[in-house]
Amino acid sequence: MTIFEALTWAADKLKAAVPEQVLGARSPKLDAQVLLAACLDKPTSYLFAHGDEQLDNVISDRFMRLVDRRARHEPVAYLLGEKDFYRRTFAVTPATLIPRPETELLVDLVRQEVDNNCLIVDVGTGSGAIAITLAAETECEVIATDLSHEALKVAHQNAKRHEVADKVAFLEGNLLKPFFESYNAWSPRSRPATLLVAANLPYLTGRQWELLDADVKNYEPQTALVGGLDGLEVYDELLMQLAARRKDLPKAVKVFFEIDPSQASTTVALIRHYFSEAKAEGIRDLSGNWRFVQASL
C-alpha cells in the first residue's frame, strides 16, 4: 500500500463513518493525513511529496488500527495523545478535556490584566494548558487546581515538558478550596496585590450533553463538561467560595470565565448576585459568540 492509497482508503472509511448532518464540521481527509503523518513521524507536507512511497507492514498496520478507532469517533487528540494549544503541544488523555482553540482567547484576556505583583489561579486545570501557557507567557506565579488526581498527573507532565514545573503549583481539590488552604499560611508580605482567577469549568446542561457529537460524548469526561441543570452550578459554587473569602483576598480580584454563548447575561447576573458592585462584562470570541465573562470583584 502506498501513501496515496492509504490516504484514499482512510478518507473514504472515515467519511462513511460520519453522519451526514455533521460531515461539514469534519475533515476526514485531514484526519487521515494527520494520523498517517504521526505513524511516519513526518510532517503532513511529506505525504504529498511522497505519495508513491510504499508503507511497510508495521506502519500500515498501525495506521489502519488508528483509522478504525477514529471511525468509532475516538478523537484524534486522544489517538495521538497530544493537542496543540497556544503554539505549544500538550499531552492529553481521557482524564482531561481536549484544549479548544477558542480557549486561547481566555489566556489573552488574563495576560492583558497581568501586573508586576499578581498571582494567577487556574481552576479546573485539566491538562494544565491554561496554567502552563500563562506561566510561560508571563512572570506571574501560577496555581492550578483540579479534583482529578489523574488529570493533575497529566498537567505535571506538561509542566515539565514546557519547563515551567518550578512556576506552577498543582493542588488537588474542589475549585478554590486547595488554594485557600495554602493561602492561609502565607504571610501578609508574601501575598500578591492582584489575584487573577481563570476558569474553564463545566458549563453544559444535561440536554446539551445529550446532543453532543459522539466524539465528545463517548470519550471526553462528562464531569468536566456538564454543569448541572442550567450549566452554571459549578460557577455558582466557585463564586460562593470567593464571596466567603473575599475580605481575606487582595484588593484587586479579577475573574475570567469561559461559558456557553447563551449564558453571558445569566453569568453576569450571577456574579452581581454575589458581588453587587462587580464590574462584569461578556466578551465575544473570534466567531462573534459570547464565549467569556470577565469581572472585577
Protein backbone atom coordinates (compact mmCIF):
# COMPACT_ATOMS: atom_id res chain seq x y z
CA MET A 1 0.00 0.00 0.00
CA THR A 2 1.38 3.42 -1.00
CA ILE A 3 0.91 6.64 0.97
CA PHE A 4 -1.61 7.84 -1.61
CA GLU A 5 -3.57 4.58 -1.46
CA ALA A 6 -3.56 4.62 2.34
CA LEU A 7 -4.88 8.17 2.48
CA THR A 8 -7.61 7.42 -0.07
CA TRP A 9 -8.74 4.30 1.80
CA ALA A 10 -8.73 6.11 5.16
CA ALA A 11 -10.59 9.19 3.92
CA ASP A 12 -13.33 7.02 2.38
CA LYS A 13 -13.66 4.94 5.56
CA LEU A 14 -13.82 7.99 7.83
CA LYS A 15 -16.28 9.81 5.58
CA ALA A 16 -18.61 6.79 5.67
CA ALA A 17 -18.47 6.79 9.49
CA VAL A 18 -19.55 10.43 9.89
CA PRO A 19 -23.30 11.21 10.00
CA GLU A 20 -24.35 13.34 7.03
CA GLN A 21 -25.60 16.18 9.25
CA VAL A 22 -22.19 16.74 10.84
CA LEU A 23 -19.95 15.93 7.87
CA GLY A 24 -19.45 19.61 7.09
CA ALA A 25 -17.85 20.12 10.51
CA ARG A 26 -15.38 17.28 9.95
CA SER A 27 -12.44 16.73 7.67
CA PRO A 28 -11.93 13.00 7.06
CA LYS A 29 -9.08 13.77 4.65
CA LEU A 30 -7.27 15.91 7.21
CA ASP A 31 -7.78 13.29 9.93
CA ALA A 32 -6.28 10.66 7.63
CA GLN A 33 -3.30 12.89 6.85
CA VAL A 34 -2.62 13.73 10.50
CA LEU A 35 -2.80 10.08 11.56
CA LEU A 36 -0.55 8.81 8.78
CA ALA A 37 1.97 11.60 9.33
CA ALA A 38 2.10 10.63 13.01
CA CYS A 39 2.69 6.98 12.12
CA LEU A 40 5.55 8.00 9.85
CA ASP A 41 6.83 10.64 12.29
CA LYS A 42 6.81 13.14 9.46
CA PRO A 43 5.02 16.46 8.79
CA THR A 44 1.85 16.23 6.71
CA SER A 45 3.65 18.02 3.87
CA TYR A 46 5.81 14.91 3.49
CA LEU A 47 2.78 12.89 2.40
CA PHE A 48 2.10 15.00 -0.69
CA ALA A 49 5.68 14.79 -1.90
CA HIS A 50 5.94 11.02 -1.39
CA GLY A 51 2.56 9.69 -2.50
CA ASP A 52 4.11 6.70 -4.32
CA GLU A 53 6.17 5.57 -1.32
CA GLN A 54 5.32 2.07 -0.12
CA LEU A 55 4.39 1.70 3.56
CA ASP A 56 5.94 -1.18 5.42
CA ASN A 57 3.65 -3.62 7.26
CA VAL A 58 4.30 -2.18 10.72
CA ILE A 59 3.35 1.36 9.65
CA SER A 60 0.34 0.29 7.60
CA ASP A 61 -0.99 -1.93 10.41
CA ARG A 62 -0.64 0.85 12.98
CA PHE A 63 -2.29 3.34 10.62
CA MET A 64 -5.22 1.03 9.93
CA ARG A 65 -5.79 0.47 13.65
CA LEU A 66 -5.83 4.22 14.28
CA VAL A 67 -8.26 4.78 11.41
CA ASP A 68 -10.55 2.06 12.77
CA ARG A 69 -10.56 3.80 16.16
CA ARG A 70 -11.20 7.19 14.55
CA ALA A 71 -14.09 5.65 12.61
CA ARG A 72 -15.59 4.82 16.02
CA HIS A 73 -15.37 8.58 16.76
CA GLU A 74 -12.39 8.47 19.11
CA PRO A 75 -10.87 11.98 18.95
CA VAL A 76 -7.63 12.42 17.05
CA ALA A 77 -6.07 14.13 20.07
CA TYR A 78 -6.62 11.02 22.20
CA LEU A 79 -5.35 8.77 19.42
CA LEU A 80 -2.12 10.75 19.24
CA GLY A 81 -2.01 11.56 22.95
CA GLU A 82 -1.47 15.27 22.38
CA LYS A 83 -3.04 18.52 21.20
CA ASP A 84 -1.62 21.90 20.18
CA PHE A 85 -2.62 24.95 22.20
CA TYR A 86 -1.17 28.46 22.06
CA ARG A 87 1.87 27.40 19.99
CA ARG A 88 2.70 24.50 22.33
CA THR A 89 1.89 20.80 22.31
CA PHE A 90 0.19 19.31 25.37
CA ALA A 91 -0.25 15.71 26.38
CA VAL A 92 -3.91 14.75 26.77
CA THR A 93 -5.64 11.60 27.98
CA PRO A 94 -9.27 10.61 28.50
CA ALA A 95 -8.85 12.02 32.04
CA THR A 96 -8.56 15.52 30.57
CA LEU A 97 -10.56 17.64 28.19
CA ILE A 98 -9.00 18.34 24.83
CA PRO A 99 -7.96 22.03 24.72
CA ARG A 100 -10.02 24.07 22.26
CA PRO A 101 -8.69 26.89 20.06
CA GLU A 102 -11.26 29.36 21.43
CA THR A 103 -9.82 28.94 24.93
CA GLU A 104 -6.64 30.62 23.72
CA LEU A 105 -8.56 33.91 23.96
CA LEU A 106 -9.12 33.24 27.67
CA VAL A 107 -5.33 33.21 28.05
CA ASP A 108 -5.13 36.53 26.20
CA LEU A 109 -7.76 38.10 28.47
CA VAL A 110 -5.81 37.12 31.57
CA ARG A 111 -2.49 38.28 30.10
CA GLN A 112 -3.93 41.74 29.50
CA GLU A 113 -4.53 42.16 33.25
CA VAL A 114 -1.15 40.94 34.48
CA ASP A 115 0.86 43.36 36.64
CA ASN A 116 4.17 43.10 38.48
CA ASN A 117 2.66 41.70 41.69
CA CYS A 118 -0.03 39.25 40.72
CA LEU A 119 -0.97 35.64 41.27
CA ILE A 120 -2.90 33.60 38.71
CA VAL A 121 -5.12 30.71 39.78
CA ASP A 122 -6.37 28.35 37.08
CA VAL A 123 -9.39 26.50 38.45
CA GLY A 124 -10.14 23.07 36.97
CA THR A 125 -6.84 22.93 35.12
CA GLY A 126 -7.25 19.53 33.39
CA SER A 127 -4.23 19.07 31.12
CA GLY A 128 -2.77 22.29 32.52
CA ALA A 129 -2.90 24.07 29.15
CA ILE A 130 -4.13 27.40 30.54
CA ALA A 131 -1.93 27.44 33.65
CA ILE A 132 1.22 26.33 31.85
CA THR A 133 0.71 28.78 28.99
CA LEU A 134 0.25 31.65 31.43
CA ALA A 135 3.32 30.59 33.39
CA ALA A 136 5.35 30.52 30.17
CA GLU A 137 3.97 33.79 28.80
CA THR A 138 4.08 35.92 31.98
CA GLU A 139 6.25 36.47 35.03
CA CYS A 140 3.39 35.65 37.41
CA GLU A 141 3.26 32.79 39.85
CA VAL A 142 0.54 30.33 38.88
CA ILE A 143 -1.51 27.93 40.97
CA ALA A 144 -3.59 25.26 39.22
CA THR A 145 -6.31 23.21 40.91
CA ASP A 146 -8.30 20.16 39.90
CA LEU A 147 -10.44 17.49 41.56
CA SER A 148 -8.98 14.77 39.35
CA HIS A 149 -5.74 13.18 40.50
CA GLU A 150 -5.29 11.63 37.05
CA ALA A 151 -5.71 14.99 35.32
CA LEU A 152 -3.13 16.57 37.61
CA LYS A 153 -0.64 13.85 36.70
CA VAL A 154 -1.04 14.85 33.05
CA ALA A 155 -0.71 18.54 33.97
CA HIS A 156 2.52 17.83 35.89
CA GLN A 157 3.88 16.03 32.83
CA ASN A 158 3.03 19.01 30.62
CA ALA A 159 4.64 21.48 33.02
CA LYS A 160 7.89 19.53 32.87
CA ARG A 161 7.64 19.28 29.10
CA HIS A 162 7.41 23.07 28.79
CA GLU A 163 9.96 23.77 31.52
CA VAL A 164 7.65 25.63 33.90
CA ALA A 165 7.36 23.00 36.64
CA ASP A 166 9.00 25.44 39.06
CA LYS A 167 6.49 28.18 38.20
CA VAL A 168 3.21 26.28 38.61
CA ALA A 169 1.91 24.75 41.85
CA PHE A 170 -0.64 21.98 41.23
CA LEU A 171 -3.15 21.46 44.03
CA GLU A 172 -5.76 18.71 44.24
CA GLY A 173 -9.20 19.64 45.50
CA ASN A 174 -12.56 21.27 44.80
CA LEU A 175 -12.27 24.56 42.92
CA LEU A 176 -10.56 27.18 45.13
CA LYS A 177 -10.54 25.21 48.37
CA PRO A 178 -6.98 23.88 48.00
CA PHE A 179 -5.77 27.37 47.10
CA PHE A 180 -7.40 28.88 50.17
CA GLU A 181 -5.84 26.21 52.38
CA SER A 182 -2.43 27.17 51.02
CA TYR A 183 -3.15 30.91 51.13
CA ASN A 184 -3.96 30.77 54.84
CA ALA A 185 -0.30 30.02 55.59
CA TRP A 186 1.11 32.90 53.55
CA SER A 187 2.44 35.91 55.43
CA PRO A 188 0.84 39.27 54.55
CA ARG A 189 4.08 40.39 52.91
CA SER A 190 4.13 37.42 50.55
CA ARG A 191 0.56 37.90 49.35
CA PRO A 192 0.03 39.39 45.88
CA ALA A 193 -1.57 42.75 45.15
CA THR A 194 -3.71 41.26 42.38
CA LEU A 195 -5.44 37.89 42.12
CA LEU A 196 -6.46 36.70 38.66
CA VAL A 197 -8.78 33.68 38.57
CA ALA A 198 -9.16 31.85 35.25
CA ALA A 199 -11.79 29.14 34.92
CA ASN A 200 -12.93 26.94 32.06
CA LEU A 201 -15.32 24.86 34.14
CA PRO A 202 -18.20 22.53 33.19
CA TYR A 203 -20.93 24.72 31.67
CA LEU A 204 -23.11 22.45 29.54
CA THR A 205 -26.61 21.39 30.54
CA GLY A 206 -27.64 17.76 30.51
CA ARG A 207 -29.69 18.43 27.38
CA GLN A 208 -26.69 19.94 25.60
CA TRP A 209 -24.62 16.93 26.61
CA GLU A 210 -27.12 14.57 25.02
CA LEU A 211 -26.90 16.49 21.74
CA LEU A 212 -23.10 16.44 21.53
CA ASP A 213 -21.21 14.60 18.81
CA ALA A 214 -20.13 11.07 19.66
CA ASP A 215 -16.52 12.30 19.51
CA VAL A 216 -17.13 14.29 22.69
CA LYS A 217 -19.95 12.43 24.42
CA ASN A 218 -18.39 8.98 24.13
CA TYR A 219 -14.82 9.92 25.00
CA GLU A 220 -14.30 13.19 26.87
CA PRO A 221 -15.01 13.26 30.64
CA GLN A 222 -18.64 14.20 31.28
CA THR A 223 -17.81 15.62 34.71
CA ALA A 224 -15.56 18.20 33.03
CA LEU A 225 -18.34 19.31 30.67
CA VAL A 226 -21.74 19.22 32.39
CA GLY A 227 -22.53 21.92 34.94
CA GLY A 228 -25.94 20.91 36.26
CA LEU A 229 -29.46 21.86 35.21
CA ASP A 230 -28.61 25.34 33.94
CA GLY A 231 -24.95 24.63 33.22
CA LEU A 232 -23.76 27.16 35.81
CA GLU A 233 -23.83 25.18 39.05
CA VAL A 234 -20.04 24.88 39.24
CA TYR A 235 -19.53 28.57 38.54
CA ASP A 236 -22.11 29.32 41.23
CA GLU A 237 -20.09 27.26 43.71
CA LEU A 238 -16.86 28.98 42.67
CA LEU A 239 -18.39 32.42 43.20
CA MET A 240 -19.78 31.31 46.57
CA GLN A 241 -16.28 30.26 47.62
CA LEU A 242 -14.85 33.60 46.51
CA ALA A 243 -17.55 35.58 48.30
CA ALA A 244 -16.95 33.71 51.55
CA ARG A 245 -13.26 34.63 51.50
CA ARG A 246 -13.33 37.98 49.68
CA LYS A 247 -12.24 40.03 52.71
CA ASP A 248 -9.08 37.91 53.04
CA LEU A 249 -8.06 38.31 49.41
CA PRO A 250 -6.13 41.09 47.66
CA LYS A 251 -7.87 44.37 46.94
CA ALA A 252 -7.85 43.59 43.23
CA VAL A 253 -9.55 40.31 42.30
CA LYS A 254 -10.49 39.63 38.69
CA VAL A 255 -12.18 36.55 37.26
CA PHE A 256 -12.26 35.21 33.72
CA PHE A 257 -14.83 32.55 32.84
CA GLU A 258 -15.35 30.55 29.66
CA ILE A 259 -19.06 29.86 29.13
CA ASP A 260 -21.66 28.77 26.60
CA PRO A 261 -22.70 31.75 24.43
CA SER A 262 -26.27 31.51 25.76
CA GLN A 263 -25.08 32.11 29.33
CA ALA A 264 -23.42 35.53 29.10
CA SER A 265 -26.16 37.66 30.68
CA THR A 266 -27.00 34.97 33.24
CA THR A 267 -23.35 34.68 34.26
CA VAL A 268 -23.03 38.46 34.66
CA ALA A 269 -26.17 38.43 36.84
CA LEU A 270 -24.78 35.53 38.87
CA ILE A 271 -21.55 37.43 39.55
CA ARG A 272 -23.51 40.50 40.66
CA HIS A 273 -25.63 38.34 42.94
CA TYR A 274 -22.52 37.61 45.00
CA PHE A 275 -20.67 40.87 44.32
CA SER A 276 -23.18 43.69 43.88
CA GLU A 277 -20.51 46.25 42.93
CA ALA A 278 -18.72 43.99 40.47
CA LYS A 279 -17.81 45.33 37.05
CA ALA A 280 -18.70 42.40 34.79
CA GLU A 281 -18.97 42.09 31.04
CA GLY A 282 -19.32 39.50 28.32
CA ILE A 283 -16.57 39.06 25.75
CA ARG A 284 -17.08 37.71 22.24
CA ASP A 285 -14.79 35.11 20.70
CA LEU A 286 -13.33 35.38 17.20
CA SER A 287 -16.54 33.94 15.74
CA GLY A 288 -18.62 36.68 17.40
CA ASN A 289 -20.11 34.42 20.08
CA TRP A 290 -20.38 35.49 23.73
CA ARG A 291 -17.77 32.99 24.92
CA PHE A 292 -16.32 34.66 28.03
CA VAL A 293 -17.24 36.78 31.01
CA GLN A 294 -14.69 38.81 32.92
CA ALA A 295 -15.27 40.75 36.11
CA SER A 296 -13.52 42.82 38.75
CA LEU A 297 -14.90 41.80 42.14
